[in-house]
Amino acid sequence: QVQLVESGGGLVQAGGSLKLSCAASGTAFSRNRMGWYRQAPGKQREFVAHISRTFTTDYSDSVKGRFTISRDNAKNTVYLEMNNLKPEDTAVYYCNADSIFQSYWGQGTQVTVSS
């Protein structure tokens, strides 16, 4: 019933920008903490950013100052604005929704940053 669909991934040059979107359905979006995680080949999935139901944000040190997470509750959508991208940012990016009962994950979208 709950579905998270990421979009906006692709190929970008180092130093460039990309904006990811995650459209949520089947959940009380405004009540959930939303987040972005990423996983590179051969590495564990890692935290990127969170945004709470009260719009408080949190970022990993590796992306702080470069990435911005935001949400539009009217559109049931969370965004990840990525600036000054580096080859190390190359990964599959996953959208996450946390409720008091359960966590949900999207299918992921590939971001590739060329040097």
C-alpha atoms as a PDB file:
ATOM      1  CA  GLN A   1       0.000   0.000   0.000  1.00  0.00           C
ATOM      2  CA  VAL A   2       2.794   2.399   0.917  1.00  0.00           C
ATOM      3  CA  GLN A   3       4.899   3.336  -2.069  1.00  0.00           C
ATOM      4  CA  LEU A   4       7.899   5.618  -2.433  1.00  0.00           C
ATOM      5  CA  VAL A   5       9.067   6.425  -5.950  1.00  0.00           C
ATOM      6  CA  GLU A   6      12.361   8.213  -6.530  1.00  0.00           C
ATOM      7  CA  SER A   7      13.174  10.141  -9.669  1.00  0.00           C
ATOM      8  CA  GLY A   8      15.706  12.643 -10.941  1.00  0.00           C
ATOM      9  CA  GLY A   9      18.830  10.518 -10.961  1.00  0.00           C
ATOM     10  CA  GLY A  10      21.227  10.467 -13.854  1.00  0.00           C
ATOM     11  CA  LEU A  11      24.696  11.327 -15.060  1.00  0.00           C
ATOM     12  CA  VAL A  12      26.249  14.635 -14.078  1.00  0.00           C
ATOM     13  CA  GLN A  13      29.725  16.133 -14.250  1.00  0.00           C
ATOM     14  CA  ALA A  14      31.743  16.803 -11.120  1.00  0.00           C
ATOM     15  CA  GLY A  15      30.834  20.191  -9.706  1.00  0.00           C
ATOM     16  CA  GLY A  16      27.377  20.002 -11.187  1.00  0.00           C
ATOM     17  CA  SER A  17      23.976  19.814  -9.560  1.00  0.00           C
ATOM     18  CA  LEU A  18      21.092  17.400  -9.502  1.00  0.00           C
ATOM     19  CA  LYS A  19      17.719  17.374  -7.757  1.00  0.00           C
ATOM     20  CA  LEU A  20      16.096  14.134  -6.670  1.00  0.00           C
ATOM     21  CA  SER A  21      12.410  13.732  -5.916  1.00  0.00           C
ATOM     22  CA  CYS A  22      10.529  11.121  -3.929  1.00  0.00           C
ATOM     23  CA  ALA A  23       6.769  10.877  -4.320  1.00  0.00           C
ATOM     24  CA  ALA A  24       4.960   9.090  -1.504  1.00  0.00           C
ATOM     25  CA  SER A  25       1.558   7.441  -1.569  1.00  0.00           C
ATOM     26  CA  GLY A  26      -0.444   5.303   0.824  1.00  0.00           C
ATOM     27  CA  THR A  27       0.957   6.935   3.952  1.00  0.00           C
ATOM     28  CA  ALA A  28       0.307   9.933   6.179  1.00  0.00           C
ATOM     29  CA  PHE A  29       3.167  11.827   4.612  1.00  0.00           C
ATOM     30  CA  SER A  30       3.076  14.885   6.845  1.00  0.00           C
ATOM     31  CA  ARG A  31       3.413  12.706   9.950  1.00  0.00           C
ATOM     32  CA  ASN A  32       6.500  10.838   8.746  1.00  0.00           C
ATOM     33  CA  ARG A  33      10.155  11.645   9.057  1.00  0.00           C
ATOM     34  CA  MET A  34      11.539  11.485   5.537  1.00  0.00           C
ATOM     35  CA  GLY A  35      15.077  10.753   4.539  1.00  0.00           C
ATOM     36  CA  TRP A  36      17.597   9.928   1.872  1.00  0.00           C
ATOM     37  CA  TYR A  37      20.186   7.163   1.988  1.00  0.00           C
ATOM     38  CA  ARG A  38      22.681   5.986  -0.586  1.00  0.00           C
ATOM     39  CA  GLN A  39      24.601   2.852  -1.403  1.00  0.00           C
ATOM     40  CA  ALA A  40      27.664   2.591  -3.592  1.00  0.00           C
ATOM     41  CA  PRO A  41      28.861  -0.732  -5.048  1.00  0.00           C
ATOM     42  CA  GLY A  42      30.640  -2.808  -2.422  1.00  0.00           C
ATOM     43  CA  LYS A  43      29.641  -0.478   0.402  1.00  0.00           C
ATOM     44  CA  GLN A  44      26.928  -0.448   3.037  1.00  0.00           C
ATOM     45  CA  ARG A  45      23.930   1.787   2.738  1.00  0.00           C
ATOM     46  CA  GLU A  46      24.654   5.083   4.451  1.00  0.00           C
ATOM     47  CA  PHE A  47      22.634   7.951   5.815  1.00  0.00           C
ATOM     48  CA  VAL A  48      22.532  11.136   3.755  1.00  0.00           C
ATOM     49  CA  ALA A  49      19.822  13.413   5.140  1.00  0.00           C
ATOM     50  CA  HIS A  50      16.640  13.519   7.228  1.00  0.00           C
ATOM     51  CA  ILE A  51      13.800  15.977   7.473  1.00  0.00           C
ATOM     52  CA  SER A  52      11.315  15.670  10.320  1.00  0.00           C
ATOM     53  CA  ARG A  53       7.608  16.310  10.385  1.00  0.00           C
ATOM     54  CA  THR A  54       8.438  19.734  11.831  1.00  0.00           C
ATOM     55  CA  PHE A  55      10.931  20.422   9.017  1.00  0.00           C
ATOM     56  CA  THR A  56      14.032  19.965  11.153  1.00  0.00           C
ATOM     57  CA  THR A  57      16.901  18.739   8.981  1.00  0.00           C
ATOM     58  CA  ASP A  58      19.952  16.604   9.594  1.00  0.00           C
ATOM     59  CA  TYR A  59      22.838  15.768   7.254  1.00  0.00           C
ATOM     60  CA  SER A  60      25.797  13.471   7.138  1.00  0.00           C
ATOM     61  CA  ASP A  61      29.136  15.236   7.397  1.00  0.00           C
ATOM     62  CA  SER A  62      30.066  14.149   3.881  1.00  0.00           C
ATOM     63  CA  VAL A  63      27.207  16.099   2.276  1.00  0.00           C
ATOM     64  CA  LYS A  64      26.694  18.948   4.738  1.00  0.00           C
ATOM     65  CA  GLY A  65      26.880  22.288   2.978  1.00  0.00           C
ATOM     66  CA  ARG A  66      26.368  20.726  -0.451  1.00  0.00           C
ATOM     67  CA  PHE A  67      23.021  18.922  -0.209  1.00  0.00           C
ATOM     68  CA  THR A  68      19.654  20.271   0.899  1.00  0.00           C
ATOM     69  CA  ILE A  69      16.665  18.162   1.866  1.00  0.00           C
ATOM     70  CA  SER A  70      13.184  19.645   1.719  1.00  0.00           C
ATOM     71  CA  ARG A  71       9.589  18.485   1.702  1.00  0.00           C
ATOM     72  CA  ASP A  72       6.323  19.650   0.204  1.00  0.00           C
ATOM     73  CA  ASN A  73       3.518  18.123   2.228  1.00  0.00           C
ATOM     74  CA  ALA A  74       0.877  19.371  -0.206  1.00  0.00           C
ATOM     75  CA  LYS A  75       2.526  17.273  -2.920  1.00  0.00           C
ATOM     76  CA  ASN A  76       3.550  14.345  -0.694  1.00  0.00           C
ATOM     77  CA  THR A  77       7.055  14.789  -2.018  1.00  0.00           C
ATOM     78  CA  VAL A  78      10.515  15.031  -0.507  1.00  0.00           C
ATOM     79  CA  TYR A  79      13.469  16.461  -2.423  1.00  0.00           C
ATOM     80  CA  LEU A  80      17.219  16.263  -2.277  1.00  0.00           C
ATOM     81  CA  GLU A  81      19.056  19.139  -3.920  1.00  0.00           C
ATOM     82  CA  MET A  82      22.634  18.116  -4.602  1.00  0.00           C
ATOM     83  CA  ASN A  83      25.217  20.771  -5.446  1.00  0.00           C
ATOM     84  CA  ASN A  84      28.947  20.627  -6.105  1.00  0.00           C
ATOM     85  CA  LEU A  85      28.690  16.925  -6.793  1.00  0.00           C
ATOM     86  CA  LYS A  86      31.775  14.772  -6.477  1.00  0.00           C
ATOM     87  CA  PRO A  87      32.606  11.357  -7.955  1.00  0.00           C
ATOM     88  CA  GLU A  88      32.392   9.989  -4.398  1.00  0.00           C
ATOM     89  CA  ASP A  89      28.674  10.829  -4.446  1.00  0.00           C
ATOM     90  CA  THR A  90      28.078   8.164  -7.085  1.00  0.00           C
ATOM     91  CA  ALA A  91      25.568   5.699  -5.648  1.00  0.00           C
ATOM     92  CA  VAL A  92      22.015   4.483  -5.741  1.00  0.00           C
ATOM     93  CA  TYR A  93      19.955   6.942  -3.722  1.00  0.00           C
ATOM     94  CA  TYR A  94      17.012   5.620  -1.717  1.00  0.00           C
ATOM     95  CA  CYS A  95      14.068   7.479  -0.269  1.00  0.00           C
ATOM     96  CA  ASN A  96      12.988   6.513   3.245  1.00  0.00           C
ATOM     97  CA  ALA A  97       9.863   7.167   5.293  1.00  0.00           C
ATOM     98  CA  ASP A  98       9.752   6.560   9.041  1.00  0.00           C
ATOM     99  CA  SER A  99       6.511   6.371  10.953  1.00  0.00           C
ATOM    100  CA  ILE A 100       6.049   5.374  14.574  1.00  0.00           C
ATOM    101  CA  PHE A 101       5.201   1.872  13.339  1.00  0.00           C
ATOM    102  CA  GLN A 102       7.359   1.043  10.331  1.00  0.00           C
ATOM    103  CA  SER A 103      10.007   2.185   7.878  1.00  0.00           C
ATOM    104  CA  TYR A 104       9.482   2.205   4.116  1.00  0.00           C
ATOM    105  CA  TRP A 105      11.917   2.356   1.228  1.00  0.00           C
ATOM    106  CA  GLY A 106      11.792   3.321  -2.409  1.00  0.00           C
ATOM    107  CA  GLN A 107      13.348   1.392  -5.265  1.00  0.00           C
ATOM    108  CA  GLY A 108      16.281   3.759  -5.624  1.00  0.00           C
ATOM    109  CA  THR A 109      17.583   6.021  -8.350  1.00  0.00           C
ATOM    110  CA  GLN A 110      21.100   5.947  -9.765  1.00  0.00           C
ATOM    111  CA  VAL A 111      23.305   9.016  -9.487  1.00  0.00           C
ATOM    112  CA  THR A 112      26.581   8.922 -11.379  1.00  0.00           C
ATOM    113  CA  VAL A 113      29.100  11.756 -11.113  1.00  0.00           C
ATOM    114  CA  SER A 114      31.855  11.833 -13.697  1.00  0.00           C
ATOM    115  CA  SER A 115      35.256  13.389 -13.049  1.00  0.00           C
END
